[in-house]
């Protein structure tokens, strides 16, 4: 069992029980979720709902500016963005129709539910040097976080964040990581941040989320794509060559913990032997950290610190829970 599971499994188990400090139903925040392709509205009421992950992660202007470009430079020349778009639309159609996946290698699908066709599936294109992270949701699955997989429930209980929404932070955070490292004499020569772009299917369905009593606002609304993807440069690496925990933690500390220091989020690039950051979600938003993290020197202390925080969050007083509900102040704003 990893350190992360060791600390967080009991916390999540406790969280599924009723807290003695749970606020009364009449002041609980809630959301209404509806797909524009349906007349059905789903309502979800829960004290873990938070303004930043729900209403601040998706930036439509930024999203549109970072869609797949018309031309993508690769070592062998130029690839037309339309070719990548066509390949992804084909595999999406196969997934939705539950057909065998062709022209892609499945790297990870543990967070994908083939029955509801929702979740995250990670694929590598066979013909092109790119990796695709495909995010699929529907109004029902988005409004029932406790019915999703272990990792999705974990993220939600930690800070009110949903995997579908956390994905929107990946590119903006990757750009921030790259900018900070470029200005440092050591990390500018040590770190690789793969290029990333958003992708939308040929026929886009939007999901409307209306929030009530969240972040000090009586009502607020956002619309997000039901299905979207993130395309990234595929980083060639040896599977038996693992980044050191200490270096990953050192990088995360340098970046003020905007990236998860867990070594699984990094690989060692095969030719240059540089450290490549492949998972770049905004870590504080993912796990609900709003106050500056004090630097730590080892993983055990790191996870002990996080475990202590989440136990404290679960047993927090009614007054503190309400202050968090109505106040979205954070030391880690999305840049």
C-alpha atoms as a PDB file:
ATOM      1  CA  UNK A   1       0.000   0.000   0.000  1.00  0.00           C
ATOM      2  CA  UNK A   2       1.365   3.436  -0.951  1.00  0.00           C
ATOM      3  CA  UNK A   3       1.788   6.214   1.583  1.00  0.00           C
ATOM      4  CA  UNK A   4      -1.041   8.092  -0.098  1.00  0.00           C
ATOM      5  CA  UNK A   5      -3.489   5.208   0.369  1.00  0.00           C
ATOM      6  CA  UNK A   6      -2.240   4.604   3.910  1.00  0.00           C
ATOM      7  CA  UNK A   7      -3.149   8.117   4.979  1.00  0.00           C
ATOM      8  CA  UNK A   8      -6.250   8.775   2.929  1.00  0.00           C
ATOM      9  CA  UNK A   9      -8.187   5.486   2.973  1.00  0.00           C
ATOM     10  CA  UNK A  10      -9.319   5.846   6.615  1.00  0.00           C
ATOM     11  CA  UNK A  11     -10.080   9.517   6.064  1.00  0.00           C
ATOM     12  CA  UNK A  12     -12.347   8.741   3.143  1.00  0.00           C
ATOM     13  CA  UNK A  13     -14.016   5.942   5.092  1.00  0.00           C
ATOM     14  CA  UNK A  14     -14.760   8.347   7.935  1.00  0.00           C
ATOM     15  CA  UNK A  15     -16.062  10.906   5.466  1.00  0.00           C
ATOM     16  CA  UNK A  16     -18.726   8.546   4.191  1.00  0.00           C
ATOM     17  CA  UNK A  17     -20.225   8.447   7.663  1.00  0.00           C
ATOM     18  CA  UNK A  18     -22.233  11.324   9.080  1.00  0.00           C
ATOM     19  CA  UNK A  19     -20.147  14.047  10.688  1.00  0.00           C
ATOM     20  CA  UNK A  20     -21.404  15.361  14.046  1.00  0.00           C
ATOM     21  CA  UNK A  21     -20.712  18.854  12.727  1.00  0.00           C
ATOM     22  CA  UNK A  22     -22.533  18.487   9.423  1.00  0.00           C
ATOM     23  CA  UNK A  23     -24.535  21.677   8.727  1.00  0.00           C
ATOM     24  CA  UNK A  24     -28.317  21.598   8.634  1.00  0.00           C
ATOM     25  CA  UNK A  25     -29.943  20.881   5.292  1.00  0.00           C
ATOM     26  CA  UNK A  26     -31.444  24.332   4.872  1.00  0.00           C
ATOM     27  CA  UNK A  27     -28.000  25.983   4.611  1.00  0.00           C
ATOM     28  CA  UNK A  28     -26.228  23.246   2.649  1.00  0.00           C
ATOM     29  CA  UNK A  29     -24.851  24.406  -0.710  1.00  0.00           C
ATOM     30  CA  UNK A  30     -26.289  22.628  -3.725  1.00  0.00           C
ATOM     31  CA  UNK A  31     -26.003  22.438  -7.485  1.00  0.00           C
ATOM     32  CA  UNK A  32     -28.414  21.759 -10.310  1.00  0.00           C
ATOM     33  CA  UNK A  33     -26.867  20.020 -13.307  1.00  0.00           C
ATOM     34  CA  UNK A  34     -28.480  19.748 -16.726  1.00  0.00           C
ATOM     35  CA  UNK A  35     -27.299  18.694 -20.158  1.00  0.00           C
ATOM     36  CA  UNK A  36     -28.552  20.888 -22.992  1.00  0.00           C
ATOM     37  CA  UNK A  37     -29.348  17.685 -24.873  1.00  0.00           C
ATOM     38  CA  UNK A  38     -31.886  16.640 -22.216  1.00  0.00           C
ATOM     39  CA  UNK A  39     -34.742  18.065 -20.168  1.00  0.00           C
ATOM     40  CA  UNK A  40     -33.623  16.182 -17.042  1.00  0.00           C
ATOM     41  CA  UNK A  41     -32.145  18.248 -14.182  1.00  0.00           C
ATOM     42  CA  UNK A  42     -30.165  16.627 -11.359  1.00  0.00           C
ATOM     43  CA  UNK A  43     -29.824  18.246  -7.941  1.00  0.00           C
ATOM     44  CA  UNK A  44     -26.963  17.506  -5.565  1.00  0.00           C
ATOM     45  CA  UNK A  45     -26.782  18.978  -2.055  1.00  0.00           C
ATOM     46  CA  UNK A  46     -23.563  18.550  -0.058  1.00  0.00           C
ATOM     47  CA  UNK A  47     -21.295  20.448   2.335  1.00  0.00           C
ATOM     48  CA  UNK A  48     -18.160  19.649   0.288  1.00  0.00           C
ATOM     49  CA  UNK A  49     -19.216  21.771  -2.701  1.00  0.00           C
ATOM     50  CA  UNK A  50     -16.740  24.605  -3.291  1.00  0.00           C
ATOM     51  CA  UNK A  51     -16.770  27.643  -5.564  1.00  0.00           C
ATOM     52  CA  UNK A  52     -13.250  27.477  -7.011  1.00  0.00           C
ATOM     53  CA  UNK A  53     -13.286  23.905  -8.405  1.00  0.00           C
ATOM     54  CA  UNK A  54     -16.864  24.256  -9.620  1.00  0.00           C
ATOM     55  CA  UNK A  55     -16.935  27.741 -11.090  1.00  0.00           C
ATOM     56  CA  UNK A  56     -13.331  28.944 -11.533  1.00  0.00           C
ATOM     57  CA  UNK A  57     -11.523  26.069 -13.269  1.00  0.00           C
ATOM     58  CA  UNK A  58     -13.127  26.420 -16.714  1.00  0.00           C
ATOM     59  CA  UNK A  59     -12.035  29.552 -18.561  1.00  0.00           C
ATOM     60  CA  UNK A  60     -13.770  29.608 -21.954  1.00  0.00           C
ATOM     61  CA  UNK A  61     -11.486  32.234 -23.513  1.00  0.00           C
ATOM     62  CA  UNK A  62      -8.344  30.408 -22.379  1.00  0.00           C
ATOM     63  CA  UNK A  63      -9.827  27.084 -23.517  1.00  0.00           C
ATOM     64  CA  UNK A  64     -10.534  28.382 -27.030  1.00  0.00           C
ATOM     65  CA  UNK A  65      -7.084  29.978 -27.339  1.00  0.00           C
ATOM     66  CA  UNK A  66      -5.447  26.646 -26.499  1.00  0.00           C
ATOM     67  CA  UNK A  67      -7.334  24.324 -28.830  1.00  0.00           C
ATOM     68  CA  UNK A  68      -5.336  22.129 -31.235  1.00  0.00           C
ATOM     69  CA  UNK A  69      -3.600  24.424 -33.754  1.00  0.00           C
ATOM     70  CA  UNK A  70      -3.868  24.028 -37.513  1.00  0.00           C
ATOM     71  CA  UNK A  71      -0.223  22.933 -37.722  1.00  0.00           C
ATOM     72  CA  UNK A  72       1.861  21.114 -35.099  1.00  0.00           C
ATOM     73  CA  UNK A  73       5.640  20.946 -35.354  1.00  0.00           C
ATOM     74  CA  UNK A  74       7.172  17.521 -34.628  1.00  0.00           C
ATOM     75  CA  UNK A  75      10.761  16.234 -35.054  1.00  0.00           C
ATOM     76  CA  UNK A  76       9.913  14.768 -38.471  1.00  0.00           C
ATOM     77  CA  UNK A  77       8.127  17.835 -39.823  1.00  0.00           C
ATOM     78  CA  UNK A  78       4.627  19.281 -39.562  1.00  0.00           C
ATOM     79  CA  UNK A  79       1.378  17.490 -38.699  1.00  0.00           C
ATOM     80  CA  UNK A  80      -1.993  19.001 -39.568  1.00  0.00           C
ATOM     81  CA  UNK A  81      -4.184  19.520 -36.532  1.00  0.00           C
ATOM     82  CA  UNK A  82      -7.144  18.310 -38.602  1.00  0.00           C
ATOM     83  CA  UNK A  83      -5.525  14.851 -38.854  1.00  0.00           C
ATOM     84  CA  UNK A  84      -5.345  14.557 -35.064  1.00  0.00           C
ATOM     85  CA  UNK A  85      -8.894  15.854 -34.766  1.00  0.00           C
ATOM     86  CA  UNK A  86     -10.166  13.205 -37.176  1.00  0.00           C
ATOM     87  CA  UNK A  87      -8.390  10.396 -35.305  1.00  0.00           C
ATOM     88  CA  UNK A  88      -9.858  11.475 -31.961  1.00  0.00           C
ATOM     89  CA  UNK A  89     -13.383  11.822 -33.316  1.00  0.00           C
ATOM     90  CA  UNK A  90     -13.105   8.259 -34.643  1.00  0.00           C
ATOM     91  CA  UNK A  91     -11.957   6.781 -31.335  1.00  0.00           C
ATOM     92  CA  UNK A  92     -14.600   8.754 -29.446  1.00  0.00           C
ATOM     93  CA  UNK A  93     -17.263   7.289 -31.711  1.00  0.00           C
ATOM     94  CA  UNK A  94     -15.916   3.780 -31.015  1.00  0.00           C
ATOM     95  CA  UNK A  95     -15.941   4.404 -27.255  1.00  0.00           C
ATOM     96  CA  UNK A  96     -19.497   5.743 -27.249  1.00  0.00           C
ATOM     97  CA  UNK A  97     -20.664   2.769 -29.344  1.00  0.00           C
ATOM     98  CA  UNK A  98     -18.652   0.341 -27.161  1.00  0.00           C
ATOM     99  CA  UNK A  99     -16.602  -0.835 -30.128  1.00  0.00           C
ATOM    100  CA  UNK A 100     -12.989  -2.074 -29.946  1.00  0.00           C
ATOM    101  CA  UNK A 101     -10.477   0.770 -29.917  1.00  0.00           C
ATOM    102  CA  UNK A 102      -8.293   0.977 -33.030  1.00  0.00           C
ATOM    103  CA  UNK A 103      -5.286   3.168 -33.871  1.00  0.00           C
ATOM    104  CA  UNK A 104      -4.771   3.933 -30.170  1.00  0.00           C
ATOM    105  CA  UNK A 105      -3.039   2.173 -27.286  1.00  0.00           C
ATOM    106  CA  UNK A 106      -4.972   2.250 -24.027  1.00  0.00           C
ATOM    107  CA  UNK A 107      -2.621   3.490 -21.308  1.00  0.00           C
ATOM    108  CA  UNK A 108      -5.160   3.819 -18.508  1.00  0.00           C
ATOM    109  CA  UNK A 109      -8.896   3.293 -18.176  1.00  0.00           C
ATOM    110  CA  UNK A 110      -9.380   2.536 -14.471  1.00  0.00           C
ATOM    111  CA  UNK A 111     -11.250   5.825 -14.019  1.00  0.00           C
ATOM    112  CA  UNK A 112     -13.544   5.159 -16.982  1.00  0.00           C
ATOM    113  CA  UNK A 113     -16.984   3.564 -16.589  1.00  0.00           C
ATOM    114  CA  UNK A 114     -17.897   1.781 -19.858  1.00  0.00           C
ATOM    115  CA  UNK A 115     -21.525   1.375 -18.780  1.00  0.00           C
ATOM    116  CA  UNK A 116     -22.235   5.063 -18.197  1.00  0.00           C
ATOM    117  CA  UNK A 117     -19.462   6.036 -20.643  1.00  0.00           C
ATOM    118  CA  UNK A 118     -18.127   8.571 -18.204  1.00  0.00           C
ATOM    119  CA  UNK A 119     -14.767   9.216 -16.583  1.00  0.00           C
ATOM    120  CA  UNK A 120     -11.204   9.549 -17.849  1.00  0.00           C
ATOM    121  CA  UNK A 121      -9.460   7.345 -20.378  1.00  0.00           C
ATOM    122  CA  UNK A 122      -5.822   7.842 -21.433  1.00  0.00           C
ATOM    123  CA  UNK A 123      -4.739   6.767 -24.923  1.00  0.00           C
ATOM    124  CA  UNK A 124      -1.593   6.952 -27.042  1.00  0.00           C
ATOM    125  CA  UNK A 125      -1.976   7.548 -30.744  1.00  0.00           C
ATOM    126  CA  UNK A 126      -0.266   4.840 -32.805  1.00  0.00           C
ATOM    127  CA  UNK A 127       0.427   7.029 -35.843  1.00  0.00           C
ATOM    128  CA  UNK A 128       1.413  10.236 -34.096  1.00  0.00           C
ATOM    129  CA  UNK A 129       3.694  11.161 -31.144  1.00  0.00           C
ATOM    130  CA  UNK A 130       0.901  12.284 -28.854  1.00  0.00           C
ATOM    131  CA  UNK A 131      -1.026  11.138 -25.801  1.00  0.00           C
ATOM    132  CA  UNK A 132      -4.738  11.835 -25.411  1.00  0.00           C
ATOM    133  CA  UNK A 133      -6.537  12.284 -22.117  1.00  0.00           C
ATOM    134  CA  UNK A 134     -10.223  12.008 -22.903  1.00  0.00           C
ATOM    135  CA  UNK A 135     -12.704  13.333 -20.347  1.00  0.00           C
ATOM    136  CA  UNK A 136     -16.332  12.208 -20.615  1.00  0.00           C
ATOM    137  CA  UNK A 137     -19.187  13.112 -18.286  1.00  0.00           C
ATOM    138  CA  UNK A 138     -22.945  13.439 -18.246  1.00  0.00           C
ATOM    139  CA  UNK A 139     -25.266  15.422 -16.017  1.00  0.00           C
ATOM    140  CA  UNK A 140     -26.111  12.421 -13.845  1.00  0.00           C
ATOM    141  CA  UNK A 141     -22.549  11.219 -13.215  1.00  0.00           C
ATOM    142  CA  UNK A 142     -21.316  14.782 -12.668  1.00  0.00           C
ATOM    143  CA  UNK A 143     -23.939  15.344  -9.980  1.00  0.00           C
ATOM    144  CA  UNK A 144     -23.242  12.033  -8.196  1.00  0.00           C
ATOM    145  CA  UNK A 145     -19.540  12.166  -7.178  1.00  0.00           C
ATOM    146  CA  UNK A 146     -20.039   9.557  -4.446  1.00  0.00           C
ATOM    147  CA  UNK A 147     -21.100   7.030  -7.099  1.00  0.00           C
ATOM    148  CA  UNK A 148     -17.832   7.328  -9.026  1.00  0.00           C
ATOM    149  CA  UNK A 149     -14.535   5.517  -8.545  1.00  0.00           C
ATOM    150  CA  UNK A 150     -12.345   5.611  -5.456  1.00  0.00           C
ATOM    151  CA  UNK A 151      -9.982   8.283  -6.764  1.00  0.00           C
ATOM    152  CA  UNK A 152     -12.804  10.557  -7.931  1.00  0.00           C
ATOM    153  CA  UNK A 153     -14.535  10.274  -4.550  1.00  0.00           C
ATOM    154  CA  UNK A 154     -11.229  10.958  -2.834  1.00  0.00           C
ATOM    155  CA  UNK A 155     -10.649  14.190  -4.738  1.00  0.00           C
ATOM    156  CA  UNK A 156     -14.169  15.366  -4.110  1.00  0.00           C
ATOM    157  CA  UNK A 157     -14.015  14.704  -0.366  1.00  0.00           C
ATOM    158  CA  UNK A 158     -10.655  16.463  -0.117  1.00  0.00           C
ATOM    159  CA  UNK A 159     -11.676  19.753  -1.665  1.00  0.00           C
ATOM    160  CA  UNK A 160     -14.917  19.580  -3.618  1.00  0.00           C
ATOM    161  CA  UNK A 161     -13.105  19.005  -6.907  1.00  0.00           C
ATOM    162  CA  UNK A 162     -14.308  16.701  -9.681  1.00  0.00           C
ATOM    163  CA  UNK A 163     -11.929  15.007 -12.135  1.00  0.00           C
ATOM    164  CA  UNK A 164     -13.755  16.479 -15.134  1.00  0.00           C
ATOM    165  CA  UNK A 165     -13.266  19.994 -13.762  1.00  0.00           C
ATOM    166  CA  UNK A 166      -9.708  19.454 -12.509  1.00  0.00           C
ATOM    167  CA  UNK A 167      -8.695  18.635 -16.076  1.00  0.00           C
ATOM    168  CA  UNK A 168      -9.364  22.211 -17.117  1.00  0.00           C
ATOM    169  CA  UNK A 169      -6.453  23.362 -14.906  1.00  0.00           C
ATOM    170  CA  UNK A 170      -3.832  21.177 -16.601  1.00  0.00           C
ATOM    171  CA  UNK A 171      -2.775  23.438 -19.460  1.00  0.00           C
ATOM    172  CA  UNK A 172      -2.837  26.743 -17.594  1.00  0.00           C
ATOM    173  CA  UNK A 173      -0.850  25.169 -14.764  1.00  0.00           C
ATOM    174  CA  UNK A 174       1.600  23.554 -17.207  1.00  0.00           C
ATOM    175  CA  UNK A 175       2.293  26.966 -18.700  1.00  0.00           C
ATOM    176  CA  UNK A 176       2.870  28.424 -15.236  1.00  0.00           C
ATOM    177  CA  UNK A 177       5.231  25.562 -14.320  1.00  0.00           C
ATOM    178  CA  UNK A 178       7.209  26.113 -17.513  1.00  0.00           C
ATOM    179  CA  UNK A 179       7.415  29.876 -16.934  1.00  0.00           C
ATOM    180  CA  UNK A 180       8.704  29.510 -13.378  1.00  0.00           C
ATOM    181  CA  UNK A 181      11.266  26.874 -14.326  1.00  0.00           C
ATOM    182  CA  UNK A 182      12.563  28.881 -17.298  1.00  0.00           C
ATOM    183  CA  UNK A 183      13.547  31.663 -14.905  1.00  0.00           C
ATOM    184  CA  UNK A 184      15.589  29.348 -12.671  1.00  0.00           C
ATOM    185  CA  UNK A 185      19.207  28.448 -13.460  1.00  0.00           C
ATOM    186  CA  UNK A 186      18.842  24.835 -12.266  1.00  0.00           C
ATOM    187  CA  UNK A 187      15.311  23.851 -13.261  1.00  0.00           C
ATOM    188  CA  UNK A 188      15.524  25.507 -16.680  1.00  0.00           C
ATOM    189  CA  UNK A 189      18.056  22.809 -17.619  1.00  0.00           C
ATOM    190  CA  UNK A 190      16.436  19.961 -15.719  1.00  0.00           C
ATOM    191  CA  UNK A 191      12.683  20.012 -16.364  1.00  0.00           C
ATOM    192  CA  UNK A 192      10.607  19.251 -19.464  1.00  0.00           C
ATOM    193  CA  UNK A 193       6.973  20.341 -19.712  1.00  0.00           C
ATOM    194  CA  UNK A 194       5.246  18.705 -22.715  1.00  0.00           C
ATOM    195  CA  UNK A 195       3.160  20.882 -25.007  1.00  0.00           C
ATOM    196  CA  UNK A 196      -0.572  20.519 -24.411  1.00  0.00           C
ATOM    197  CA  UNK A 197      -3.747  21.531 -26.224  1.00  0.00           C
ATOM    198  CA  UNK A 198      -7.456  21.179 -25.607  1.00  0.00           C
ATOM    199  CA  UNK A 199      -9.722  19.293 -27.985  1.00  0.00           C
ATOM    200  CA  UNK A 200     -13.486  19.353 -28.554  1.00  0.00           C
ATOM    201  CA  UNK A 201     -15.534  16.777 -30.488  1.00  0.00           C
ATOM    202  CA  UNK A 202     -17.218  17.569 -33.777  1.00  0.00           C
ATOM    203  CA  UNK A 203     -20.591  17.808 -32.059  1.00  0.00           C
ATOM    204  CA  UNK A 204     -20.259  19.527 -28.680  1.00  0.00           C
ATOM    205  CA  UNK A 205     -22.834  19.039 -25.924  1.00  0.00           C
ATOM    206  CA  UNK A 206     -22.738  21.500 -23.038  1.00  0.00           C
ATOM    207  CA  UNK A 207     -23.611  20.857 -19.410  1.00  0.00           C
ATOM    208  CA  UNK A 208     -25.038  23.730 -17.364  1.00  0.00           C
ATOM    209  CA  UNK A 209     -24.214  23.861 -13.652  1.00  0.00           C
ATOM    210  CA  UNK A 210     -26.084  26.255 -11.367  1.00  0.00           C
ATOM    211  CA  UNK A 211     -24.768  26.619  -7.831  1.00  0.00           C
ATOM    212  CA  UNK A 212     -26.620  27.930  -4.808  1.00  0.00           C
ATOM    213  CA  UNK A 213     -25.164  29.205  -1.500  1.00  0.00           C
ATOM    214  CA  UNK A 214     -21.600  28.572  -2.647  1.00  0.00           C
ATOM    215  CA  UNK A 215     -18.711  30.999  -2.167  1.00  0.00           C
ATOM    216  CA  UNK A 216     -20.840  33.741  -0.670  1.00  0.00           C
ATOM    217  CA  UNK A 217     -23.069  33.920  -3.741  1.00  0.00           C
ATOM    218  CA  UNK A 218     -26.743  33.094  -3.651  1.00  0.00           C
ATOM    219  CA  UNK A 219     -26.580  31.774  -7.211  1.00  0.00           C
ATOM    220  CA  UNK A 220     -23.976  31.357  -9.965  1.00  0.00           C
ATOM    221  CA  UNK A 221     -23.792  29.439 -13.222  1.00  0.00           C
ATOM    222  CA  UNK A 222     -21.243  27.938 -15.575  1.00  0.00           C
ATOM    223  CA  UNK A 223     -21.408  25.842 -18.738  1.00  0.00           C
ATOM    224  CA  UNK A 224     -18.774  23.198 -19.499  1.00  0.00           C
ATOM    225  CA  UNK A 225     -18.294  20.712 -22.348  1.00  0.00           C
ATOM    226  CA  UNK A 226     -19.676  17.250 -21.688  1.00  0.00           C
ATOM    227  CA  UNK A 227     -16.719  15.726 -23.538  1.00  0.00           C
ATOM    228  CA  UNK A 228     -13.285  17.226 -24.108  1.00  0.00           C
ATOM    229  CA  UNK A 229      -9.720  16.072 -24.509  1.00  0.00           C
ATOM    230  CA  UNK A 230      -6.168  17.147 -23.774  1.00  0.00           C
ATOM    231  CA  UNK A 231      -3.483  16.337 -26.332  1.00  0.00           C
ATOM    232  CA  UNK A 232       0.129  16.272 -25.127  1.00  0.00           C
ATOM    233  CA  UNK A 233       3.512  15.403 -26.565  1.00  0.00           C
ATOM    234  CA  UNK A 234       4.296  11.756 -25.849  1.00  0.00           C
ATOM    235  CA  UNK A 235       7.440  11.553 -23.719  1.00  0.00           C
ATOM    236  CA  UNK A 236       9.606   8.542 -24.501  1.00  0.00           C
ATOM    237  CA  UNK A 237      10.863   6.951 -21.295  1.00  0.00           C
ATOM    238  CA  UNK A 238      12.129   3.676 -19.895  1.00  0.00           C
ATOM    239  CA  UNK A 239       9.430   2.089 -17.745  1.00  0.00           C
ATOM    240  CA  UNK A 240      11.998   0.739 -15.291  1.00  0.00           C
ATOM    241  CA  UNK A 241      13.609   4.161 -14.783  1.00  0.00           C
ATOM    242  CA  UNK A 242      11.681   5.961 -12.071  1.00  0.00           C
ATOM    243  CA  UNK A 243      12.145   9.591 -10.940  1.00  0.00           C
ATOM    244  CA  UNK A 244      13.421   9.969  -7.397  1.00  0.00           C
ATOM    245  CA  UNK A 245      10.904  10.949  -4.740  1.00  0.00           C
ATOM    246  CA  UNK A 246      13.276  13.558  -3.374  1.00  0.00           C
ATOM    247  CA  UNK A 247      13.698  15.357  -6.694  1.00  0.00           C
ATOM    248  CA  UNK A 248       9.948  15.404  -7.384  1.00  0.00           C
ATOM    249  CA  UNK A 249       9.327  16.846  -3.932  1.00  0.00           C
ATOM    250  CA  UNK A 250      12.142  19.354  -4.465  1.00  0.00           C
ATOM    251  CA  UNK A 251      10.543  20.532  -7.713  1.00  0.00           C
ATOM    252  CA  UNK A 252       7.088  20.786  -6.168  1.00  0.00           C
ATOM    253  CA  UNK A 253       8.530  22.805  -3.280  1.00  0.00           C
ATOM    254  CA  UNK A 254      10.265  25.148  -5.735  1.00  0.00           C
ATOM    255  CA  UNK A 255       6.931  25.602  -7.535  1.00  0.00           C
ATOM    256  CA  UNK A 256       5.146  26.346  -4.245  1.00  0.00           C
ATOM    257  CA  UNK A 257       3.247  23.040  -4.508  1.00  0.00           C
ATOM    258  CA  UNK A 258       1.140  23.950  -7.527  1.00  0.00           C
ATOM    259  CA  UNK A 259       1.988  20.454  -8.829  1.00  0.00           C
ATOM    260  CA  UNK A 260       1.533  17.156  -6.983  1.00  0.00           C
ATOM    261  CA  UNK A 261       5.001  15.932  -5.865  1.00  0.00           C
ATOM    262  CA  UNK A 262       4.052  12.255  -6.159  1.00  0.00           C
ATOM    263  CA  UNK A 263       6.625  10.603  -8.455  1.00  0.00           C
ATOM    264  CA  UNK A 264       3.916   8.965 -10.564  1.00  0.00           C
ATOM    265  CA  UNK A 265       3.258  12.397 -12.084  1.00  0.00           C
ATOM    266  CA  UNK A 266       6.747  12.505 -13.623  1.00  0.00           C
ATOM    267  CA  UNK A 267       8.929  10.429 -15.955  1.00  0.00           C
ATOM    268  CA  UNK A 268      12.596  10.510 -16.986  1.00  0.00           C
ATOM    269  CA  UNK A 269      12.874  11.406 -20.675  1.00  0.00           C
ATOM    270  CA  UNK A 270      14.742   8.630 -22.481  1.00  0.00           C
ATOM    271  CA  UNK A 271      17.333  10.638 -24.431  1.00  0.00           C
ATOM    272  CA  UNK A 272      18.020  13.718 -22.319  1.00  0.00           C
ATOM    273  CA  UNK A 273      17.415  12.053 -18.917  1.00  0.00           C
ATOM    274  CA  UNK A 274      15.553  15.185 -17.894  1.00  0.00           C
ATOM    275  CA  UNK A 275      12.577  15.167 -15.531  1.00  0.00           C
ATOM    276  CA  UNK A 276       9.293  15.514 -17.447  1.00  0.00           C
ATOM    277  CA  UNK A 277       6.118  16.724 -15.733  1.00  0.00           C
ATOM    278  CA  UNK A 278       3.334  14.743 -17.385  1.00  0.00           C
ATOM    279  CA  UNK A 279       0.478  15.419 -14.938  1.00  0.00           C
ATOM    280  CA  UNK A 280       0.049  19.122 -14.327  1.00  0.00           C
ATOM    281  CA  UNK A 281      -3.302  19.597 -12.599  1.00  0.00           C
ATOM    282  CA  UNK A 282      -3.368  22.500 -10.141  1.00  0.00           C
ATOM    283  CA  UNK A 283      -2.683  20.526  -6.972  1.00  0.00           C
ATOM    284  CA  UNK A 284      -4.111  22.962  -4.366  1.00  0.00           C
ATOM    285  CA  UNK A 285      -7.415  23.097  -6.261  1.00  0.00           C
ATOM    286  CA  UNK A 286      -7.534  19.309  -6.583  1.00  0.00           C
ATOM    287  CA  UNK A 287      -7.193  18.679  -2.858  1.00  0.00           C
ATOM    288  CA  UNK A 288      -8.725  21.814  -1.380  1.00  0.00           C
ATOM    289  CA  UNK A 289      -5.600  23.510  -0.028  1.00  0.00           C
ATOM    290  CA  UNK A 290      -6.237  27.219   0.527  1.00  0.00           C
ATOM    291  CA  UNK A 291      -3.420  28.224   2.905  1.00  0.00           C
ATOM    292  CA  UNK A 292       0.292  28.304   2.128  1.00  0.00           C
ATOM    293  CA  UNK A 293       2.031  24.965   2.624  1.00  0.00           C
ATOM    294  CA  UNK A 294       5.118  24.977   4.801  1.00  0.00           C
ATOM    295  CA  UNK A 295       8.066  23.338   2.998  1.00  0.00           C
ATOM    296  CA  UNK A 296       8.830  19.752   3.959  1.00  0.00           C
ATOM    297  CA  UNK A 297      11.868  17.614   3.190  1.00  0.00           C
ATOM    298  CA  UNK A 298      10.468  14.082   2.889  1.00  0.00           C
ATOM    299  CA  UNK A 299       7.397  12.222   1.643  1.00  0.00           C
ATOM    300  CA  UNK A 300       6.428  10.812   5.026  1.00  0.00           C
ATOM    301  CA  UNK A 301       6.174  14.295   6.526  1.00  0.00           C
ATOM    302  CA  UNK A 302       4.355  15.501   3.421  1.00  0.00           C
ATOM    303  CA  UNK A 303       1.575  12.916   3.580  1.00  0.00           C
ATOM    304  CA  UNK A 304       1.377  13.122   7.365  1.00  0.00           C
ATOM    305  CA  UNK A 305       0.787  16.851   7.016  1.00  0.00           C
ATOM    306  CA  UNK A 306      -1.935  16.336   4.416  1.00  0.00           C
ATOM    307  CA  UNK A 307      -3.533  13.544   6.444  1.00  0.00           C
ATOM    308  CA  UNK A 308      -3.673  15.770   9.512  1.00  0.00           C
ATOM    309  CA  UNK A 309      -5.280  18.546   7.501  1.00  0.00           C
ATOM    310  CA  UNK A 310      -8.032  16.337   6.094  1.00  0.00           C
ATOM    311  CA  UNK A 311      -8.863  14.759   9.433  1.00  0.00           C
ATOM    312  CA  UNK A 312      -9.127  18.291  10.813  1.00  0.00           C
ATOM    313  CA  UNK A 313     -11.354  19.304   7.911  1.00  0.00           C
ATOM    314  CA  UNK A 314     -13.697  16.385   8.526  1.00  0.00           C
ATOM    315  CA  UNK A 315     -14.134  17.148  12.207  1.00  0.00           C
ATOM    316  CA  UNK A 316     -14.242  20.927  11.798  1.00  0.00           C
ATOM    317  CA  UNK A 317     -16.904  22.878  13.652  1.00  0.00           C
ATOM    318  CA  UNK A 318     -20.154  23.957  12.051  1.00  0.00           C
ATOM    319  CA  UNK A 319     -19.012  27.586  12.157  1.00  0.00           C
ATOM    320  CA  UNK A 320     -15.752  26.887  10.331  1.00  0.00           C
ATOM    321  CA  UNK A 321     -17.534  24.742   7.745  1.00  0.00           C
ATOM    322  CA  UNK A 322     -19.939  27.588   7.031  1.00  0.00           C
ATOM    323  CA  UNK A 323     -17.060  30.085   6.732  1.00  0.00           C
ATOM    324  CA  UNK A 324     -15.418  27.882   4.116  1.00  0.00           C
ATOM    325  CA  UNK A 325     -18.736  27.475   2.324  1.00  0.00           C
ATOM    326  CA  UNK A 326     -19.274  31.225   2.029  1.00  0.00           C
ATOM    327  CA  UNK A 327     -15.637  32.332   1.611  1.00  0.00           C
ATOM    328  CA  UNK A 328     -13.490  31.334  -1.381  1.00  0.00           C
ATOM    329  CA  UNK A 329     -10.287  33.097  -0.304  1.00  0.00           C
ATOM    330  CA  UNK A 330      -7.168  31.129  -1.190  1.00  0.00           C
ATOM    331  CA  UNK A 331      -3.403  31.552  -1.190  1.00  0.00           C
ATOM    332  CA  UNK A 332      -3.318  29.449  -4.375  1.00  0.00           C
ATOM    333  CA  UNK A 333      -5.479  31.210  -6.991  1.00  0.00           C
ATOM    334  CA  UNK A 334      -5.629  29.763 -10.470  1.00  0.00           C
ATOM    335  CA  UNK A 335      -3.257  31.927 -12.522  1.00  0.00           C
END
